[in-house]
Amino acid sequence: MNHAEVPLVAVVILTWNQRNLTLECLESLKSLQYPAERLNTILVDNGSCDGTTEAVRSLFPQVVVLENSDNLGFAEGNNVGISYALEYPADYVMLLNNDTVVDNVMLAEMVAVMQQYPDVGIVGPKMLYFDDPERIWCAGNRIDWLLGSSIRLQADEQDKAIPNDMPVVVDFITACGILLRREALEQVGLLDPRFFIYYEETDLCMRTWRAGWRILYVPSARLWHKISAAMGPTSPATDYYMNRNVLLFLAKNRHGIAGWFSVCVAACRNLLAVAAYTVKPHGGARIPNRNARLFALRDALVGRWGKMGRDVAKVCYPVS
């Protein structure tokens, strides 16, 4: 295949005040074994004030930089990049977290799978811990509809213990590295901005699956995610968005009695955590998490989506 026949790919990287991480991610893309003239890298900046855009324009002049005046969130911020990519016009669009480093054959491996299977709308790579590079963080995901939760497949297993076999059908791909087929995007639409952050890619994958496209995890494609292998407690903001958005996701994607049951189970699980943080507040350290979870239930009940309101922000980001 000559270069003119190689699919056009746009890699969209969203950033917000993470200059060094972004530069390291862009540096890793330089090693990709993919024809440079068939690759377009798009940086979407969500209103950073740390000199990210200036540094990228100086060090990576080939990168397209799109600047949002404010933090639009993960969903809408990426939509800005996706829309630009579709006008490019890209055959495939890859969303890539700025806290990742990619293997040099990652993109080529995923594009090859897409080209081989025209009924596949979304693929994703093997995601490993950056600080433990042979340990798997995520190998695709499965949805537990009964509990209203998601499960990272092969999480924390050693990569060498698992053979790199054929692509595997999964429920969804985590958006820190996800390759999207143009035709699938045009059919199902972009990320739902109501999620702001968390569950937006899960929702997109479900819409894509319902439209008749398959979703595959590609073991031979790899990236390394700069997420701690020993994560501590979640932040109040994460608790808020995760517990609010799971209710939106379930309401959108699971209907009838089963849907109501899943929503009730997810809400009850949240209330159990609220009760636990009330009984054992850990010296007051978990009170913000408890209050954020209560706000999540309130906002889901009244249909308040998107970026958290000022009252929630005061809980999640208290002024010291």
Protein backbone atom coordinates (compact mmCIF):
# COMPACT_ATOMS: atom_id res chain seq x y z
CA MET A 1 0.00 0.00 0.00
CA ASN A 2 1.47 3.35 -1.01
CA HIS A 3 1.15 6.34 1.27
CA ALA A 4 -1.72 7.83 -0.72
CA GLU A 5 -3.81 4.75 0.17
CA VAL A 6 -3.02 4.90 3.89
CA PRO A 7 -6.05 6.17 5.86
CA LEU A 8 -5.96 9.72 7.15
CA VAL A 9 -5.89 9.76 10.96
CA ALA A 10 -6.40 12.70 13.29
CA VAL A 11 -5.13 12.38 16.87
CA VAL A 12 -7.02 14.69 19.24
CA ILE A 13 -5.34 15.53 22.56
CA LEU A 14 -7.23 17.56 25.15
CA THR A 15 -5.31 19.50 27.77
CA TRP A 16 -5.97 21.82 30.67
CA ASN A 17 -3.02 23.24 32.65
CA GLN A 18 -0.78 20.20 32.21
CA ARG A 19 2.04 21.61 30.12
CA ASN A 20 4.76 19.04 30.85
CA LEU A 21 2.48 16.02 30.50
CA THR A 22 1.23 17.34 27.18
CA LEU A 23 4.73 17.94 25.82
CA GLU A 24 5.82 14.41 26.81
CA CYS A 25 2.77 12.93 25.11
CA LEU A 26 3.44 14.87 21.90
CA GLU A 27 7.08 13.82 21.99
CA SER A 28 6.05 10.15 22.11
CA LEU A 29 3.87 10.63 19.01
CA LYS A 30 6.98 11.54 17.01
CA SER A 31 8.03 7.86 17.19
CA LEU A 32 4.81 6.54 15.62
CA GLN A 33 5.44 4.28 12.66
CA TYR A 34 2.74 5.89 10.58
CA PRO A 35 3.25 8.11 7.50
CA ALA A 36 3.54 11.69 8.77
CA GLU A 37 1.63 13.09 5.80
CA ARG A 38 -1.36 10.88 6.71
CA LEU A 39 -1.40 11.93 10.35
CA ASN A 40 -2.79 15.14 11.79
CA THR A 41 -2.24 15.94 15.47
CA ILE A 42 -4.74 18.33 17.04
CA LEU A 43 -4.26 19.82 20.49
CA VAL A 44 -7.41 21.22 22.09
CA ASP A 45 -6.63 23.51 25.01
CA ASN A 46 -9.44 24.01 27.53
CA GLY A 47 -8.38 27.47 28.68
CA SER A 48 -4.97 26.69 30.19
CA CYS A 49 -3.03 29.47 31.88
CA ASP A 50 0.30 27.65 32.27
CA GLY A 51 1.86 28.39 28.88
CA THR A 52 0.84 25.08 27.30
CA THR A 53 -0.22 26.49 23.94
CA GLU A 54 2.84 28.71 23.59
CA ALA A 55 5.16 25.78 24.33
CA VAL A 56 3.40 23.47 21.88
CA ARG A 57 3.48 26.03 19.07
CA SER A 58 7.20 26.56 19.70
CA LEU A 59 8.28 22.92 20.07
CA PHE A 60 5.75 21.19 17.80
CA PRO A 61 4.89 23.62 15.00
CA GLN A 62 3.22 20.85 12.97
CA VAL A 63 0.54 20.39 15.64
CA VAL A 64 -2.78 22.16 15.11
CA VAL A 65 -3.66 24.09 18.28
CA LEU A 66 -7.30 24.91 19.02
CA GLU A 67 -7.92 27.16 22.01
CA ASN A 68 -11.13 27.19 24.02
CA SER A 69 -11.69 30.28 26.13
CA ASP A 70 -12.88 28.21 29.10
CA ASN A 71 -12.77 24.66 30.46
CA LEU A 72 -15.53 23.01 28.43
CA GLY A 73 -15.02 19.63 30.07
CA PHE A 74 -13.72 16.39 28.60
CA ALA A 75 -16.74 15.70 26.41
CA GLU A 76 -17.24 19.08 24.76
CA GLY A 77 -13.53 19.85 24.67
CA ASN A 78 -12.92 16.68 22.67
CA ASN A 79 -15.94 17.44 20.49
CA VAL A 80 -14.15 20.62 19.34
CA GLY A 81 -11.23 18.48 18.17
CA ILE A 82 -13.43 15.77 16.65
CA SER A 83 -15.40 18.33 14.65
CA TYR A 84 -12.18 19.84 13.31
CA ALA A 85 -10.87 16.35 12.44
CA LEU A 86 -14.01 15.42 10.53
CA GLU A 87 -13.58 18.55 8.42
CA TYR A 88 -9.93 17.60 7.84
CA PRO A 89 -11.34 15.12 6.61
CA ALA A 90 -10.00 12.24 8.69
CA ASP A 91 -10.92 8.60 8.06
CA TYR A 92 -10.29 7.82 11.73
CA VAL A 93 -10.17 10.01 14.82
CA MET A 94 -8.18 9.01 17.87
CA LEU A 95 -8.81 10.56 21.27
CA LEU A 96 -5.66 10.40 23.36
CA ASN A 97 -5.17 11.55 26.94
CA ASN A 98 -2.29 13.95 27.44
CA ASP A 99 -1.04 11.82 30.36
CA THR A 100 -0.12 8.91 28.08
CA VAL A 101 2.94 7.74 26.16
CA VAL A 102 2.37 5.58 23.10
CA ASP A 103 4.14 2.58 21.61
CA ASN A 104 5.51 3.28 18.15
CA VAL A 105 3.25 0.71 16.43
CA MET A 106 0.10 1.45 18.44
CA LEU A 107 -1.69 3.48 15.79
CA ALA A 108 -0.69 1.26 12.88
CA GLU A 109 -1.95 -1.83 14.71
CA MET A 110 -5.34 -0.29 15.47
CA VAL A 111 -5.81 1.12 11.96
CA ALA A 112 -4.95 -2.29 10.50
CA VAL A 113 -7.73 -3.88 12.57
CA MET A 114 -10.19 -1.20 11.46
CA GLN A 115 -9.25 -1.78 7.83
CA GLN A 116 -9.61 -5.54 8.21
CA TYR A 117 -13.03 -5.42 9.90
CA PRO A 118 -15.33 -2.82 8.27
CA ASP A 119 -18.09 -3.54 10.78
CA VAL A 120 -15.93 -2.29 13.67
CA GLY A 121 -16.66 1.27 14.73
CA ILE A 122 -14.32 1.66 17.71
CA VAL A 123 -11.06 0.05 18.81
CA GLY A 124 -8.71 0.62 21.73
CA PRO A 125 -5.20 -0.43 22.78
CA LYS A 126 -3.81 -2.26 25.76
CA MET A 127 -3.29 0.36 28.49
CA LEU A 128 -0.45 -0.18 30.95
CA TYR A 129 0.76 1.70 34.00
CA PHE A 130 3.55 4.14 33.16
CA ASP A 131 5.24 3.57 36.51
CA ASP A 132 4.85 -0.23 36.22
CA PRO A 133 5.17 -0.72 32.45
CA GLU A 134 4.47 -4.48 32.33
CA ARG A 135 1.32 -4.21 34.44
CA ILE A 136 -2.03 -3.79 32.71
CA TRP A 137 -4.26 -0.92 33.73
CA CYS A 138 -7.06 -1.67 31.27
CA ALA A 139 -7.67 -4.13 28.41
CA GLY A 140 -11.09 -2.95 27.37
CA ASN A 141 -14.11 -2.79 29.65
CA ARG A 142 -17.27 -4.66 30.51
CA ILE A 143 -20.46 -3.15 31.89
CA ASP A 144 -22.17 -4.76 34.87
CA TRP A 145 -25.71 -3.67 34.10
CA LEU A 146 -27.09 -5.21 37.29
CA LEU A 147 -24.91 -3.04 39.54
CA GLY A 148 -24.64 -0.13 37.12
CA SER A 149 -20.85 -0.26 37.16
CA SER A 150 -17.97 -0.83 34.76
CA ILE A 151 -15.14 -3.33 35.04
CA ARG A 152 -11.63 -2.84 33.65
CA LEU A 153 -10.67 -6.14 32.04
CA GLN A 154 -7.36 -7.79 32.97
CA ALA A 155 -6.73 -4.94 35.42
CA ASP A 156 -3.45 -5.27 37.35
CA GLU A 157 -2.44 -8.47 35.56
CA GLN A 158 1.10 -8.81 34.19
CA ASP A 159 1.31 -8.21 30.47
CA LYS A 160 3.86 -10.97 29.87
CA ALA A 161 1.51 -13.54 31.41
CA ILE A 162 -1.14 -12.85 28.77
CA PRO A 163 -0.49 -13.75 25.11
CA ASN A 164 -1.06 -11.01 22.57
CA ASP A 165 -3.77 -12.79 20.63
CA MET A 166 -6.53 -11.65 18.32
CA PRO A 167 -8.69 -8.57 18.97
CA VAL A 168 -11.46 -9.09 21.51
CA VAL A 169 -15.03 -7.76 21.51
CA VAL A 170 -15.65 -5.55 24.56
CA ASP A 171 -18.44 -3.32 25.83
CA PHE A 172 -16.46 -0.10 25.70
CA ILE A 173 -13.02 1.46 25.40
CA THR A 174 -11.70 3.98 27.92
CA ALA A 175 -11.26 7.36 26.27
CA CYS A 176 -7.64 7.84 27.29
CA GLY A 177 -6.90 6.02 24.04
CA ILE A 178 -9.76 5.30 21.63
CA LEU A 179 -9.85 5.12 17.82
CA LEU A 180 -13.15 6.05 16.17
CA ARG A 181 -14.29 5.32 12.62
CA ARG A 182 -15.53 8.38 10.75
CA GLU A 183 -18.67 6.67 9.45
CA ALA A 184 -19.64 5.55 12.95
CA LEU A 185 -19.22 9.08 14.33
CA GLU A 186 -21.30 10.53 11.53
CA GLN A 187 -24.03 8.01 12.27
CA VAL A 188 -24.23 8.22 16.08
CA GLY A 189 -22.95 11.75 16.77
CA LEU A 190 -20.31 13.15 19.10
CA LEU A 191 -19.79 12.88 22.85
CA ASP A 192 -22.75 13.99 24.95
CA PRO A 193 -21.64 17.26 26.64
CA ARG A 194 -24.08 16.72 29.52
CA PHE A 195 -21.58 14.30 31.06
CA PHE A 196 -18.83 16.98 31.18
CA ILE A 197 -16.35 14.33 32.33
CA TYR A 198 -16.71 10.57 33.02
CA TYR A 199 -19.06 8.13 31.27
CA GLU A 200 -19.09 10.14 28.03
CA GLU A 201 -17.06 7.49 26.17
CA THR A 202 -19.13 4.67 27.70
CA ASP A 203 -22.25 6.34 26.37
CA LEU A 204 -20.67 6.86 22.93
CA CYS A 205 -19.68 3.19 22.77
CA MET A 206 -23.20 2.08 23.68
CA ARG A 207 -24.70 4.30 20.98
CA THR A 208 -22.19 2.93 18.49
CA TRP A 209 -22.96 -0.67 19.48
CA ARG A 210 -26.72 -0.10 19.18
CA ALA A 211 -26.16 1.33 15.69
CA GLY A 212 -24.72 -2.02 14.63
CA TRP A 213 -20.96 -1.46 14.99
CA ARG A 214 -18.63 -3.76 16.91
CA ILE A 215 -16.13 -2.52 19.52
CA LEU A 216 -12.76 -4.25 19.79
CA TYR A 217 -9.80 -4.25 22.15
CA VAL A 218 -6.51 -4.67 20.23
CA PRO A 219 -3.87 -6.41 22.42
CA SER A 220 -0.98 -5.71 20.03
CA ALA A 221 -1.48 -1.94 20.35
CA ARG A 222 -0.12 -0.45 23.57
CA LEU A 223 0.13 2.79 25.49
CA TRP A 224 1.29 3.71 28.97
CA HIS A 225 -0.98 5.73 31.23
CA LYS A 226 0.50 8.01 33.89
CA ILE A 227 -1.95 6.97 36.54
CA SER A 228 -0.63 5.75 39.85
CA ALA A 229 -0.58 1.99 40.32
CA ALA A 230 -1.43 2.67 43.99
CA MET A 231 -4.25 5.20 43.79
CA GLY A 232 -5.51 6.85 46.93
CA PRO A 233 -9.09 7.89 47.75
CA THR A 234 -11.00 9.63 44.99
CA SER A 235 -11.48 13.38 45.09
CA PRO A 236 -14.86 14.94 45.90
CA ALA A 237 -15.08 16.20 42.30
CA THR A 238 -14.56 12.68 40.96
CA ASP A 239 -17.18 11.34 43.38
CA TYR A 240 -19.61 14.00 42.19
CA TYR A 241 -19.24 13.46 38.45
CA MET A 242 -18.99 9.67 38.61
CA ASN A 243 -22.07 9.22 40.82
CA ARG A 244 -24.16 11.79 38.97
CA ASN A 245 -23.17 10.64 35.49
CA VAL A 246 -23.70 6.94 36.04
CA LEU A 247 -27.36 7.74 36.61
CA LEU A 248 -27.54 9.68 33.33
CA PHE A 249 -25.74 6.87 31.51
CA LEU A 250 -28.09 4.19 32.86
CA ALA A 251 -31.20 6.28 32.16
CA LYS A 252 -30.07 6.79 28.55
CA ASN A 253 -28.95 3.26 27.81
CA ARG A 254 -31.04 0.83 29.86
CA HIS A 255 -34.80 1.03 29.59
CA GLY A 256 -37.92 -0.40 31.13
CA ILE A 257 -38.01 -2.18 34.49
CA ALA A 258 -34.38 -3.30 34.11
CA GLY A 259 -33.35 0.31 33.59
CA TRP A 260 -35.16 1.54 36.67
CA PHE A 261 -33.66 -1.30 38.69
CA SER A 262 -30.11 -0.39 37.59
CA VAL A 263 -30.68 3.28 38.42
CA CYS A 264 -32.03 2.38 41.87
CA VAL A 265 -29.09 0.06 42.58
CA ALA A 266 -26.57 2.75 41.57
CA ALA A 267 -28.34 5.35 43.71
CA CYS A 268 -28.50 2.99 46.70
CA ARG A 269 -24.80 2.18 46.40
CA ASN A 270 -24.10 5.89 46.52
CA LEU A 271 -26.31 6.34 49.58
CA LEU A 272 -24.49 3.50 51.34
CA ALA A 273 -21.20 5.36 50.78
CA VAL A 274 -22.82 8.55 52.09
CA ALA A 275 -23.89 6.68 55.24
CA ALA A 276 -20.41 5.20 55.66
CA TYR A 277 -18.73 8.61 55.35
CA THR A 278 -21.21 10.01 57.89
CA VAL A 279 -20.53 7.27 60.45
CA LYS A 280 -16.78 7.21 59.78
CA PRO A 281 -15.78 10.63 58.43
CA HIS A 282 -12.03 9.96 58.90
CA GLY A 283 -11.54 13.04 61.01
CA GLY A 284 -13.66 15.10 58.65
CA ALA A 285 -11.54 14.28 55.59
CA ARG A 286 -14.40 12.39 53.90
CA ILE A 287 -17.14 14.93 54.61
CA PRO A 288 -16.51 16.74 51.26
CA ASN A 289 -16.82 13.38 49.47
CA ARG A 290 -20.07 12.67 51.29
CA ASN A 291 -21.52 16.07 50.42
CA ALA A 292 -20.38 15.78 46.79
CA ARG A 293 -22.21 12.46 46.53
CA LEU A 294 -25.38 14.01 47.95
CA PHE A 295 -25.14 16.83 45.40
CA ALA A 296 -24.72 14.20 42.69
CA LEU A 297 -28.03 12.60 43.64
CA ARG A 298 -29.77 15.96 43.85
CA ASP A 299 -28.53 17.14 40.46
CA ALA A 300 -29.38 13.85 38.76
CA LEU A 301 -32.88 14.04 40.22
CA VAL A 302 -33.52 17.56 38.91
CA GLY A 303 -31.67 17.00 35.61
CA ARG A 304 -28.76 19.35 36.26
CA TRP A 305 -25.92 18.19 34.02
CA GLY A 306 -22.74 19.63 32.53
CA LYS A 307 -20.19 21.48 34.64
CA MET A 308 -20.83 21.39 38.37
CA GLY A 309 -22.58 24.41 39.84
CA ARG A 310 -21.01 26.90 42.23
CA ASP A 311 -22.56 25.27 45.27
CA VAL A 312 -20.99 21.93 44.35
CA ALA A 313 -17.66 23.58 43.53
CA LYS A 314 -17.52 25.06 47.05
CA VAL A 315 -17.70 21.54 48.44
CA CYS A 316 -15.28 19.99 45.94
CA TYR A 317 -12.75 22.82 45.90
CA PRO A 318 -12.96 24.55 49.30
CA VAL A 319 -10.92 27.71 49.72
CA SER A 320 -8.29 27.09 52.38
